[in-house]
Amino acid sequence: MKGKNLQMHCCERCQIYWTCDTKWYRGERKEENVCCPRCNFYNECLEKLKKKEKSTSR
């Protein structure tokens, strides 16, 4: 896992999805819509992604 860049896209589960300054900033600059630690679900989703990556890399 070390060295891999895990990215999750921001989703509607986020409590600030519709009003997130970070999301709007990135959108205006045509950057990828990546989830950030401001989301209440960030750590939960990151753990799921890590588990998924680990199981598929075997």
Protein backbone atom coordinates (compact mmCIF):
# COMPACT_ATOMS: atom_id res chain seq x y z
CA MET A 1 0.00 0.00 0.00
CA LYS A 2 2.92 2.29 0.64
CA GLY A 3 3.45 4.73 -2.21
CA LYS A 4 -0.03 4.29 -3.66
CA ASN A 5 -2.22 7.36 -3.94
CA LEU A 6 -5.68 6.36 -2.73
CA GLN A 7 -8.35 8.72 -3.98
CA MET A 8 -12.07 8.69 -3.38
CA HIS A 9 -14.47 10.94 -5.17
CA CYS A 10 -16.61 13.25 -3.10
CA CYS A 11 -20.12 11.82 -2.69
CA GLU A 12 -23.55 13.00 -1.61
CA ARG A 13 -23.12 11.24 1.78
CA CYS A 14 -20.85 14.13 2.77
CA GLN A 15 -22.63 16.52 5.15
CA ILE A 16 -21.30 19.55 3.26
CA TYR A 17 -21.44 18.14 -0.30
CA TRP A 18 -23.65 20.91 -1.70
CA THR A 19 -21.91 23.79 0.09
CA CYS A 20 -18.28 22.63 0.27
CA ASP A 21 -15.80 25.41 -0.57
CA THR A 22 -13.10 22.89 -1.46
CA LYS A 23 -15.41 21.09 -3.91
CA TRP A 24 -16.43 24.37 -5.57
CA TYR A 25 -12.81 25.58 -5.74
CA ARG A 26 -11.72 22.39 -7.47
CA GLY A 27 -14.72 22.42 -9.79
CA GLU A 28 -14.03 25.96 -10.96
CA ARG A 29 -10.49 24.92 -11.85
CA LYS A 30 -11.62 21.70 -13.56
CA GLU A 31 -9.73 19.62 -10.97
CA GLU A 32 -10.76 16.13 -9.93
CA ASN A 33 -13.57 15.97 -7.36
CA VAL A 34 -11.65 14.14 -4.62
CA CYS A 35 -12.97 13.53 -1.10
CA CYS A 36 -11.16 15.38 1.66
CA PRO A 37 -10.88 15.09 5.47
CA ARG A 38 -13.61 17.74 5.96
CA CYS A 39 -16.19 15.01 5.25
CA ASN A 40 -17.57 13.12 8.27
CA PHE A 41 -17.31 9.89 6.28
CA TYR A 42 -13.73 10.40 5.05
CA ASN A 43 -12.03 8.01 7.51
CA GLU A 44 -14.77 5.39 7.17
CA CYS A 45 -14.59 5.43 3.37
CA LEU A 46 -10.78 5.51 3.38
CA GLU A 47 -10.67 2.36 5.51
CA LYS A 48 -13.09 0.61 3.13
CA LEU A 49 -10.95 1.64 0.16
CA LYS A 50 -7.79 0.40 1.85
CA LYS A 51 -9.42 -2.96 2.59
CA LYS A 52 -10.65 -3.23 -1.01
CA GLU A 53 -7.20 -2.38 -2.41
CA LYS A 54 -5.56 -4.88 -0.07
CA SER A 55 -7.95 -7.70 -1.05
CA THR A 56 -7.54 -7.06 -4.80
CA SER A 57 -3.75 -6.85 -4.63
CA ARG A 58 -3.39 -10.44 -3.38
